Amino acid sequence: MKKGSDKLPAALSGLSWETIFNALGHPTCILDAEHRVVLSNPAAQRLTGLSAEEMKGRKCYEIYHTAGGPPEGCPFESLFASGRMETHEMEMEALGGTFLVSCTPVSDRKGSPAYVLHIATDITDRKRAESELIGSEARFRELFSRMSSGVAIYETADNGDSFVFKDFNEAAEGIDKIKKDKIIGRSVEEVFPSVREFGLLDVMREVWRTGEPRYHPVSQYADDRITGWRENRVYRLPSGEVVAVYDDVTDAKRAEEALRKSYDQLRRTLMSTVHALMAAVEMRDPYTAGHQHRVPELACAIAREMALDEERVIGLRVAALVHDIGKINVPAEILSRPGRLSRTEYELIQAHPRIGFNVLRGIEFPWPVAEIVYQHHEHMDGTGYPRGLSGDEIVLEARILGVADVVEAMATHRPYRSAFGVDEALAEVARHRDARYDPDVVDACLRVFREKGFQLPPVR
């Protein structure tokens, strides 16, 4: 690849993200902000001995560690708290081995972390080899020549400020595209000027001063021979020499980036489809135009007030955007009629949750969108429709959507009546708290308006 080139090979750029995801040899999962597995690839399933369905929804540390919480050093909290789209890497002991874990955030539509691409590389054998390299000079030469990782040994110069090549294995020659006899006796800065830029030289100096091994995370590097990504581990030998053990992970990083971009594109495509479905309903029902824009805003505000995790809030938003998709089966003249409806016409409108469910259940959403839509007119006391569900039989998102739907509908104009206004709408859901509506949802809705100052978006 030419210097500075960042184009993917043609064969890779034509692959779908699912193909790349499933083909990765490293155990790879997509996690939500609660550490739960959303999706796992075959390598992860082989490693854990679990099927995709068995892994889905379980917290990753429960699978890998059987622990009561995340392992020490887990970057999840800092990753989501910072909001920065940066890869975090760490070593961990899991499933009887040692793994290098890369956690790369995947953004939502607002550019904030919503998912994490979790890639585990089994480095058990390499860690054992490195341990033996440090602890046993007798076996050093055999390991040195056979290791698939690049190994460079340096003598110190200028009181630990500079490092001179003393030895270099065959794997290192292949990674760095340079022969051993060209660099022995030369300083690392002279051979690899980029060593300063990606921070490795400072790590080597610290290791030489403290004697403590250091892992230098995957970093991008470039020089006259090659551009790519490399990960490093640096040690100091009892003799005072410094050893760097490293791997070129350029192909893995490019595949990871391609997977992340493909996933982001898939999410954008899914949301475009949702908005198209929503527009189809509103075009047939001009009197409620904007209803499906305002209901999601209120539903999400209630959900956040109830401290639902952001991934569930996103799923609720999608369901709220298309909650009336079933009305596409109702004649337009019934939807816009100002007078009273006949029993048959009313029953036709009452069928729209079931129709919506039938439309949506064939779409593989990462959230229970079809079921939320199916249940959004059910009541806590079982008097709702279409199935007469009650209490906890109704998913929480559907209970939230039901309250948001009623408040928005009452607060705005309809062809058969004038708007009641927000105050009357809130009084209505408060009157039927416990009976029709979940009391926790009603209380959150009232707080959203009365304490948080929420206002329904203007009618479009």
Protein backbone atom coordinates (compact mmCIF):
# COMPACT_ATOMS: atom_id res chain seq x y z
CA MET A 1 0.00 0.00 0.00
CA LYS A 2 1.34 3.43 -0.93
CA LYS A 3 2.32 5.89 1.76
CA GLY A 4 -0.69 7.89 2.95
CA SER A 5 -3.21 5.62 1.26
CA ASP A 6 -6.35 4.98 3.32
CA LYS A 7 -8.48 3.18 0.75
CA LEU A 8 -9.80 -0.27 1.58
CA PRO A 9 -9.10 -3.12 -0.87
CA ALA A 10 -11.92 -3.46 -3.41
CA ALA A 11 -12.89 -6.90 -2.12
CA LEU A 12 -13.29 -5.57 1.45
CA SER A 13 -15.22 -2.43 0.51
CA GLY A 14 -17.85 -4.55 -1.22
CA LEU A 15 -18.63 -6.68 1.83
CA SER A 16 -21.66 -6.11 4.06
CA TRP A 17 -21.07 -5.39 7.73
CA GLU A 18 -22.67 -8.71 8.68
CA THR A 19 -20.19 -10.61 6.52
CA ILE A 20 -17.25 -8.76 8.05
CA PHE A 21 -18.64 -9.18 11.56
CA ASN A 22 -19.16 -12.93 11.22
CA ALA A 23 -15.85 -13.47 9.44
CA LEU A 24 -13.71 -11.84 12.12
CA GLY A 25 -11.51 -14.46 13.74
CA HIS A 26 -11.49 -12.57 17.02
CA PRO A 27 -14.43 -13.05 19.42
CA THR A 28 -16.50 -9.92 18.75
CA CYS A 29 -19.69 -8.58 20.32
CA ILE A 30 -21.79 -5.45 20.06
CA LEU A 31 -22.75 -4.30 23.55
CA ASP A 32 -25.17 -1.68 24.85
CA ALA A 33 -24.40 0.83 27.59
CA GLU A 34 -25.50 -1.69 30.24
CA HIS A 35 -22.77 -4.16 29.18
CA ARG A 36 -25.44 -6.39 27.58
CA VAL A 37 -24.71 -8.37 24.43
CA VAL A 38 -26.77 -7.14 21.47
CA LEU A 39 -24.99 -9.28 18.87
CA SER A 40 -22.15 -11.83 18.90
CA ASN A 41 -20.12 -13.39 16.11
CA PRO A 42 -19.34 -17.12 15.68
CA ALA A 43 -15.84 -16.69 17.16
CA ALA A 44 -17.34 -15.33 20.40
CA GLN A 45 -19.86 -18.17 20.49
CA ARG A 46 -17.10 -20.77 20.05
CA LEU A 47 -15.02 -19.17 22.79
CA THR A 48 -17.84 -19.07 25.33
CA GLY A 49 -19.59 -22.28 24.30
CA LEU A 50 -22.87 -20.35 24.10
CA SER A 51 -25.23 -19.82 21.20
CA ALA A 52 -26.07 -16.37 19.84
CA GLU A 53 -29.46 -16.48 21.62
CA GLU A 54 -27.86 -17.59 24.90
CA MET A 55 -25.42 -14.67 24.78
CA LYS A 56 -27.94 -12.03 23.70
CA GLY A 57 -29.10 -9.81 26.55
CA ARG A 58 -26.52 -11.13 29.05
CA LYS A 59 -23.91 -8.81 30.48
CA CYS A 60 -20.49 -9.44 28.97
CA TYR A 61 -18.68 -9.70 32.30
CA GLU A 62 -21.14 -12.36 33.46
CA ILE A 63 -20.20 -14.41 30.41
CA TYR A 64 -16.45 -13.86 30.51
CA HIS A 65 -15.86 -13.58 34.26
CA THR A 66 -18.97 -14.94 36.05
CA ALA A 67 -18.39 -11.93 38.30
CA GLY A 68 -20.82 -9.64 40.07
CA GLY A 69 -19.59 -6.59 38.22
CA PRO A 70 -17.25 -5.29 35.52
CA PRO A 71 -13.55 -6.23 35.85
CA GLU A 72 -11.12 -3.69 37.27
CA GLY A 73 -10.13 -1.18 34.62
CA CYS A 74 -13.28 -1.68 32.53
CA PRO A 75 -13.56 1.45 30.35
CA PHE A 76 -17.38 1.41 29.91
CA GLU A 77 -18.25 4.06 32.49
CA SER A 78 -15.55 6.50 31.40
CA LEU A 79 -16.34 5.82 27.74
CA PHE A 80 -20.02 6.75 28.00
CA ALA A 81 -19.39 9.53 30.53
CA SER A 82 -16.82 11.28 28.35
CA GLY A 83 -18.90 11.06 25.17
CA ARG A 84 -15.70 10.82 23.15
CA MET A 85 -15.56 8.37 20.27
CA GLU A 86 -12.26 6.81 21.31
CA THR A 87 -11.13 3.19 21.43
CA HIS A 88 -10.19 1.86 24.87
CA GLU A 89 -8.07 -1.25 25.29
CA MET A 90 -7.17 -3.39 28.27
CA GLU A 91 -5.88 -6.81 29.20
CA MET A 92 -8.08 -9.13 31.21
CA GLU A 93 -8.05 -12.63 32.61
CA ALA A 94 -11.13 -14.53 31.46
CA LEU A 95 -12.30 -18.08 30.71
CA GLY A 96 -9.00 -19.51 31.88
CA GLY A 97 -6.89 -17.36 29.58
CA THR A 98 -5.65 -13.83 28.91
CA PHE A 99 -7.33 -11.51 26.43
CA LEU A 100 -6.66 -8.13 24.93
CA VAL A 101 -10.02 -6.35 24.79
CA SER A 102 -10.70 -3.45 22.45
CA CYS A 103 -13.80 -1.34 23.20
CA THR A 104 -14.75 1.01 20.37
CA PRO A 105 -17.86 3.21 20.74
CA VAL A 106 -20.48 3.27 17.98
CA SER A 107 -22.37 6.54 17.79
CA ASP A 108 -26.07 7.24 17.69
CA ARG A 109 -27.62 9.79 15.35
CA LYS A 110 -26.42 12.63 17.59
CA GLY A 111 -22.81 11.43 17.59
CA SER A 112 -22.90 10.16 21.19
CA PRO A 113 -21.79 6.66 22.22
CA ALA A 114 -24.74 4.25 21.99
CA TYR A 115 -23.09 0.86 21.51
CA VAL A 116 -19.64 -0.60 21.99
CA LEU A 117 -17.81 -2.83 19.54
CA HIS A 118 -16.10 -5.32 21.91
CA ILE A 119 -13.27 -7.33 20.32
CA ALA A 120 -11.37 -9.89 22.40
CA THR A 121 -8.03 -11.20 21.18
CA ASP A 122 -6.78 -14.35 22.87
CA ILE A 123 -3.20 -13.55 23.87
CA THR A 124 -2.83 -16.43 26.33
CA ASP A 125 -0.09 -18.15 24.35
CA ARG A 126 1.70 -14.92 23.63
CA LYS A 127 1.58 -13.86 27.28
CA ARG A 128 3.05 -17.17 28.29
CA ALA A 129 5.71 -16.82 25.65
CA GLU A 130 6.52 -13.29 26.79
CA SER A 131 6.70 -14.44 30.39
CA GLU A 132 9.16 -17.14 29.45
CA LEU A 133 11.14 -14.68 27.38
CA ILE A 134 11.60 -12.44 30.40
CA GLY A 135 12.16 -15.19 32.97
CA SER A 136 14.34 -17.69 31.16
CA GLU A 137 17.45 -16.68 29.23
CA ALA A 138 18.08 -20.34 28.43
CA ARG A 139 14.97 -20.57 26.29
CA PHE A 140 15.16 -17.07 24.94
CA ARG A 141 16.77 -17.76 21.56
CA GLU A 142 14.26 -20.47 20.65
CA LEU A 143 11.31 -18.29 21.54
CA PHE A 144 12.89 -15.29 19.89
CA SER A 145 13.20 -17.00 16.54
CA ARG A 146 9.80 -18.70 16.61
CA MET A 147 7.54 -15.91 17.88
CA SER A 148 4.98 -14.63 15.41
CA SER A 149 5.09 -11.24 17.14
CA GLY A 150 7.86 -8.83 16.30
CA VAL A 151 10.57 -8.59 18.98
CA ALA A 152 13.20 -5.88 19.19
CA ILE A 153 15.91 -5.72 21.86
CA TYR A 154 17.55 -2.40 22.68
CA GLU A 155 20.59 -1.29 24.61
CA THR A 156 20.26 2.05 26.34
CA ALA A 157 22.31 5.10 25.44
CA ASP A 158 22.58 8.62 26.84
CA ASN A 159 21.57 7.43 30.32
CA GLY A 160 18.30 5.94 29.19
CA ASP A 161 17.28 8.79 26.91
CA SER A 162 17.97 6.88 23.68
CA PHE A 163 17.87 3.24 22.62
CA VAL A 164 20.07 1.34 20.15
CA PHE A 165 19.02 -1.85 18.34
CA LYS A 166 20.79 -4.95 19.67
CA ASP A 167 18.63 -7.71 18.15
CA PHE A 168 15.62 -8.08 15.88
CA ASN A 169 13.67 -11.26 15.06
CA GLU A 170 12.30 -12.45 11.71
CA ALA A 171 8.73 -11.47 12.54
CA ALA A 172 9.91 -7.92 13.27
CA GLU A 173 11.67 -7.82 9.90
CA GLY A 174 8.39 -8.72 8.22
CA ILE A 175 6.33 -6.19 10.17
CA ASP A 176 8.75 -3.30 9.74
CA LYS A 177 9.83 -4.16 6.19
CA ILE A 178 13.51 -3.86 7.05
CA LYS A 179 16.37 -6.34 7.50
CA LYS A 180 18.10 -6.89 10.79
CA ASP A 181 21.57 -6.16 9.44
CA LYS A 182 20.46 -2.68 8.37
CA ILE A 183 19.54 -1.50 11.86
CA ILE A 184 21.76 -3.21 14.46
CA GLY A 185 23.78 -0.54 16.26
CA ARG A 186 21.52 2.29 15.13
CA SER A 187 19.17 4.28 17.38
CA VAL A 188 15.43 3.62 17.26
CA GLU A 189 14.76 7.30 16.46
CA GLU A 190 17.07 7.13 13.45
CA VAL A 191 15.47 3.98 12.04
CA PHE A 192 11.86 4.81 12.98
CA PRO A 193 11.35 8.59 13.21
CA SER A 194 7.63 8.07 13.95
CA VAL A 195 8.48 6.40 17.28
CA ARG A 196 8.26 9.81 18.94
CA GLU A 197 4.93 10.70 17.36
CA PHE A 198 2.99 7.67 18.51
CA GLY A 199 4.44 7.76 22.02
CA LEU A 200 6.46 4.55 22.11
CA LEU A 201 9.77 6.26 22.90
CA ASP A 202 8.34 7.79 26.10
CA VAL A 203 6.99 4.38 27.13
CA MET A 204 10.43 2.79 26.59
CA ARG A 205 12.06 5.46 28.74
CA GLU A 206 9.55 4.94 31.54
CA VAL A 207 10.01 1.17 31.46
CA TRP A 208 13.79 1.57 31.58
CA ARG A 209 13.54 3.93 34.58
CA THR A 210 10.94 1.99 36.60
CA GLY A 211 11.49 -1.60 35.50
CA GLU A 212 7.70 -2.02 35.26
CA PRO A 213 6.29 -3.60 32.06
CA ARG A 214 4.00 -1.37 30.03
CA TYR A 215 1.38 -2.01 27.39
CA HIS A 216 1.29 0.66 24.71
CA PRO A 217 -2.20 0.62 23.11
CA VAL A 218 -2.79 0.31 19.41
CA SER A 219 -1.42 3.43 17.73
CA GLN A 220 -1.18 4.63 14.17
CA TYR A 221 2.32 5.03 12.81
CA ALA A 222 3.95 6.03 9.55
CA ASP A 223 7.46 6.18 8.13
CA ASP A 224 9.14 5.86 4.75
CA ARG A 225 8.33 2.13 4.48
CA ILE A 226 4.86 1.55 5.87
CA THR A 227 1.73 3.15 7.34
CA GLY A 228 -0.56 1.30 9.68
CA TRP A 229 -1.41 0.42 13.30
CA ARG A 230 0.73 -1.37 15.85
CA GLU A 231 0.34 -2.56 19.44
CA ASN A 232 3.33 -2.86 21.74
CA ARG A 233 4.42 -4.38 25.04
CA VAL A 234 7.63 -3.14 26.54
CA TYR A 235 9.77 -4.81 29.22
CA ARG A 236 13.13 -4.27 30.88
CA LEU A 237 15.40 -7.29 31.24
CA PRO A 238 17.53 -7.81 34.37
CA SER A 239 20.51 -6.87 32.21
CA GLY A 240 19.04 -3.40 31.68
CA GLU A 241 18.12 -4.03 28.05
CA VAL A 242 14.66 -3.03 26.90
CA VAL A 243 12.49 -5.42 24.87
CA ALA A 244 9.55 -4.38 22.69
CA VAL A 245 7.10 -7.12 21.62
CA TYR A 246 4.67 -5.90 18.98
CA ASP A 247 2.18 -6.84 16.27
CA ASP A 248 0.95 -5.13 13.14
CA VAL A 249 -2.84 -4.89 13.51
CA THR A 250 -3.48 -2.75 10.44
CA ASP A 251 -5.83 -5.21 8.73
CA ALA A 252 -7.82 -5.73 11.93
CA LYS A 253 -8.16 -1.98 12.52
CA ARG A 254 -9.35 -1.36 8.95
CA ALA A 255 -11.83 -4.20 9.17
CA GLU A 256 -13.03 -2.85 12.54
CA GLU A 257 -13.50 0.63 11.06
CA ALA A 258 -15.35 -0.80 8.06
CA LEU A 259 -17.63 -2.76 10.41
CA ARG A 260 -18.34 0.32 12.53
CA LYS A 261 -19.16 2.44 9.46
CA SER A 262 -21.36 -0.30 8.04
CA TYR A 263 -23.23 -0.60 11.34
CA ASP A 264 -23.73 3.18 11.50
CA GLN A 265 -24.99 3.18 7.91
CA LEU A 266 -27.39 0.33 8.68
CA ARG A 267 -28.79 2.28 11.63
CA ARG A 268 -29.25 5.40 9.48
CA THR A 269 -30.99 3.33 6.81
CA LEU A 270 -33.29 1.79 9.41
CA MET A 271 -34.26 5.21 10.75
CA SER A 272 -34.89 6.48 7.22
CA THR A 273 -37.27 3.57 6.69
CA VAL A 274 -39.06 4.37 9.94
CA HIS A 275 -39.54 8.00 8.92
CA ALA A 276 -40.84 6.93 5.52
CA LEU A 277 -43.44 4.69 7.18
CA MET A 278 -44.43 7.53 9.49
CA ALA A 279 -44.82 9.94 6.57
CA ALA A 280 -47.08 7.47 4.76
CA VAL A 281 -49.52 7.50 7.67
CA GLU A 282 -49.53 11.28 8.09
CA MET A 283 -50.14 11.87 4.38
CA ARG A 284 -53.41 9.89 4.73
CA ASP A 285 -54.48 11.64 7.94
CA PRO A 286 -53.76 15.39 7.59
CA TYR A 287 -55.69 16.30 10.75
CA THR A 288 -53.20 14.42 12.88
CA ALA A 289 -50.15 15.54 10.91
CA GLY A 290 -47.34 16.00 13.40
CA HIS A 291 -48.88 13.62 15.97
CA GLN A 292 -46.20 11.05 15.28
CA HIS A 293 -43.51 13.73 15.62
CA ARG A 294 -44.73 15.02 18.98
CA VAL A 295 -45.58 11.71 20.65
CA PRO A 296 -41.96 10.41 20.43
CA GLU A 297 -40.63 13.60 22.06
CA LEU A 298 -42.99 13.27 25.02
CA ALA A 299 -42.54 9.49 25.30
CA CYS A 300 -38.73 9.81 25.38
CA ALA A 301 -38.92 12.64 27.94
CA ILE A 302 -41.04 10.41 30.21
CA ALA A 303 -38.70 7.44 29.70
CA ARG A 304 -35.65 9.49 30.65
CA GLU A 305 -37.47 10.85 33.69
CA MET A 306 -38.00 7.20 34.69
CA ALA A 307 -34.25 6.56 34.20
CA LEU A 308 -34.60 4.04 31.37
CA ASP A 309 -31.25 3.34 29.76
CA GLU A 310 -30.65 5.21 26.53
CA GLU A 311 -30.84 2.13 24.34
CA ARG A 312 -34.41 1.46 25.51
CA VAL A 313 -35.21 5.13 24.95
CA ILE A 314 -34.02 4.82 21.34
CA GLY A 315 -36.21 1.75 20.82
CA LEU A 316 -39.19 3.60 22.34
CA ARG A 317 -38.60 6.53 19.97
CA VAL A 318 -38.68 4.20 16.97
CA ALA A 319 -41.91 2.57 18.18
CA ALA A 320 -43.49 5.98 18.86
CA LEU A 321 -42.61 7.21 15.38
CA VAL A 322 -44.57 4.35 13.78
CA HIS A 323 -47.14 3.59 16.48
CA ASP A 324 -50.05 4.48 14.16
CA ILE A 325 -48.71 2.69 11.06
CA GLY A 326 -51.72 0.34 11.32
CA LYS A 327 -53.99 3.24 10.32
CA ILE A 328 -52.72 2.79 6.79
CA ASN A 329 -55.41 0.09 6.59
CA VAL A 330 -58.18 2.51 7.63
CA PRO A 331 -59.97 4.44 4.85
CA ALA A 332 -58.86 8.09 4.79
CA GLU A 333 -62.45 9.37 4.95
CA ILE A 334 -62.93 7.61 8.30
CA LEU A 335 -59.73 9.07 9.73
CA SER A 336 -60.70 12.64 8.82
CA ARG A 337 -64.46 12.45 9.42
CA PRO A 338 -65.66 15.21 11.79
CA GLY A 339 -68.83 13.37 12.89
CA ARG A 340 -69.41 10.32 15.07
CA LEU A 341 -68.25 6.93 13.78
CA SER A 342 -70.44 3.86 13.45
CA ARG A 343 -69.63 0.80 15.54
CA THR A 344 -68.14 -0.92 12.49
CA GLU A 345 -65.97 2.09 11.68
CA TYR A 346 -64.78 2.37 15.28
CA GLU A 347 -63.89 -1.34 15.34
CA LEU A 348 -61.88 -0.80 12.16
CA ILE A 349 -59.87 1.94 13.85
CA GLN A 350 -59.41 -0.24 16.95
CA ALA A 351 -57.73 -2.83 14.74
CA HIS A 352 -54.81 -0.49 13.92
CA PRO A 353 -52.47 -1.79 16.70
CA ARG A 354 -52.85 -5.34 15.37
CA ILE A 355 -52.33 -4.17 11.77
CA GLY A 356 -49.26 -2.21 12.89
CA PHE A 357 -47.89 -5.30 14.60
CA ASN A 358 -48.35 -7.37 11.44
CA VAL A 359 -46.57 -4.71 9.38
CA LEU A 360 -43.63 -4.32 11.76
CA ARG A 361 -42.99 -7.83 13.03
CA GLY A 362 -41.19 -8.76 9.81
CA ILE A 363 -38.58 -6.02 10.38
CA GLU A 364 -35.64 -7.16 12.51
CA PHE A 365 -35.40 -4.22 14.89
CA PRO A 366 -32.93 -4.48 17.81
CA TRP A 367 -35.86 -3.48 20.07
CA PRO A 368 -39.37 -4.96 20.55
CA VAL A 369 -40.91 -2.28 18.32
CA ALA A 370 -43.73 -4.42 16.91
CA GLU A 371 -44.87 -5.53 20.38
CA ILE A 372 -44.76 -1.98 21.76
CA VAL A 373 -46.97 -0.81 18.89
CA TYR A 374 -49.30 -3.79 19.42
CA GLN A 375 -49.80 -2.91 23.11
CA HIS A 376 -49.93 0.89 23.18
CA HIS A 377 -53.75 0.98 23.61
CA GLU A 378 -53.84 -1.64 26.39
CA HIS A 379 -54.84 -0.52 29.92
CA MET A 380 -53.50 -1.55 33.31
CA ASP A 381 -56.93 -2.81 34.35
CA GLY A 382 -57.41 -4.92 31.22
CA THR A 383 -60.02 -2.66 29.60
CA GLY A 384 -57.83 -1.67 26.65
CA TYR A 385 -57.55 -3.20 23.20
CA PRO A 386 -56.90 -5.23 21.10
CA ARG A 387 -55.96 -8.11 23.47
CA GLY A 388 -57.17 -6.92 26.87
CA LEU A 389 -53.74 -7.19 28.48
CA SER A 390 -53.27 -5.91 32.02
CA GLY A 391 -50.54 -4.93 34.48
CA ASP A 392 -47.09 -6.31 33.80
CA GLU A 393 -48.37 -8.16 30.74
CA ILE A 394 -47.94 -4.77 29.03
CA VAL A 395 -44.31 -3.90 28.33
CA LEU A 396 -43.13 -0.72 30.04
CA GLU A 397 -42.39 1.04 26.77
CA ALA A 398 -45.99 0.45 25.64
CA ARG A 399 -47.30 1.87 28.94
CA ILE A 400 -45.19 5.00 28.40
CA LEU A 401 -46.27 5.30 24.77
CA GLY A 402 -49.93 4.94 25.77
CA VAL A 403 -49.76 7.90 28.17
CA ALA A 404 -47.82 10.06 25.71
CA ASP A 405 -50.32 9.21 22.96
CA VAL A 406 -53.34 10.22 25.08
CA VAL A 407 -51.80 13.47 26.34
CA GLU A 408 -50.75 14.59 22.85
CA ALA A 409 -54.10 13.62 21.29
CA MET A 410 -56.15 15.49 23.89
CA ALA A 411 -53.91 18.55 23.85
CA THR A 412 -54.28 19.14 20.10
CA HIS A 413 -57.11 19.62 17.62
CA ARG A 414 -58.98 16.73 16.04
CA PRO A 415 -61.59 16.89 13.21
CA TYR A 416 -64.35 15.77 15.56
CA ARG A 417 -63.51 18.15 18.46
CA SER A 418 -61.44 21.12 19.54
CA ALA A 419 -58.20 20.77 21.50
CA PHE A 420 -58.63 20.26 25.26
CA GLY A 421 -55.18 21.65 26.04
CA VAL A 422 -52.27 20.21 28.01
CA ASP A 423 -53.73 20.89 31.48
CA GLU A 424 -56.91 18.94 30.78
CA ALA A 425 -54.92 16.15 29.14
CA LEU A 426 -52.74 15.82 32.25
CA ALA A 427 -55.79 15.88 34.48
CA GLU A 428 -57.29 13.06 32.40
CA VAL A 429 -54.32 10.70 32.80
CA ALA A 430 -54.10 11.63 36.50
CA ARG A 431 -57.78 10.73 36.99
CA HIS A 432 -57.19 7.29 35.52
CA ARG A 433 -53.87 6.69 37.28
CA ASP A 434 -53.72 3.03 38.45
CA ALA A 435 -56.79 2.01 36.45
CA ARG A 436 -55.97 2.70 32.84
CA TYR A 437 -52.43 4.03 33.15
CA ASP A 438 -49.28 2.95 34.96
CA PRO A 439 -49.01 5.23 38.04
CA ASP A 440 -45.22 5.51 37.71
CA VAL A 441 -45.58 6.59 34.10
CA VAL A 442 -48.30 9.12 34.95
CA ASP A 443 -46.21 10.57 37.80
CA ALA A 444 -43.19 10.89 35.50
CA CYS A 445 -45.34 12.57 32.84
CA LEU A 446 -46.63 15.12 35.35
CA ARG A 447 -43.08 15.89 36.53
CA VAL A 448 -41.90 16.31 32.96
CA PHE A 449 -44.47 19.05 32.35
CA ARG A 450 -44.76 20.67 35.79
CA GLU A 451 -41.18 20.45 37.08
CA LYS A 452 -39.03 20.09 33.98
CA GLY A 453 -40.93 22.60 31.84
CA PHE A 454 -41.51 20.23 28.93
CA GLN A 455 -43.59 21.62 26.08
CA LEU A 456 -45.07 19.72 23.16
CA PRO A 457 -43.40 20.71 19.88
CA PRO A 458 -45.53 23.05 17.77
CA VAL A 459 -48.03 21.54 15.35
CA ARG A 460 -46.51 21.22 11.90
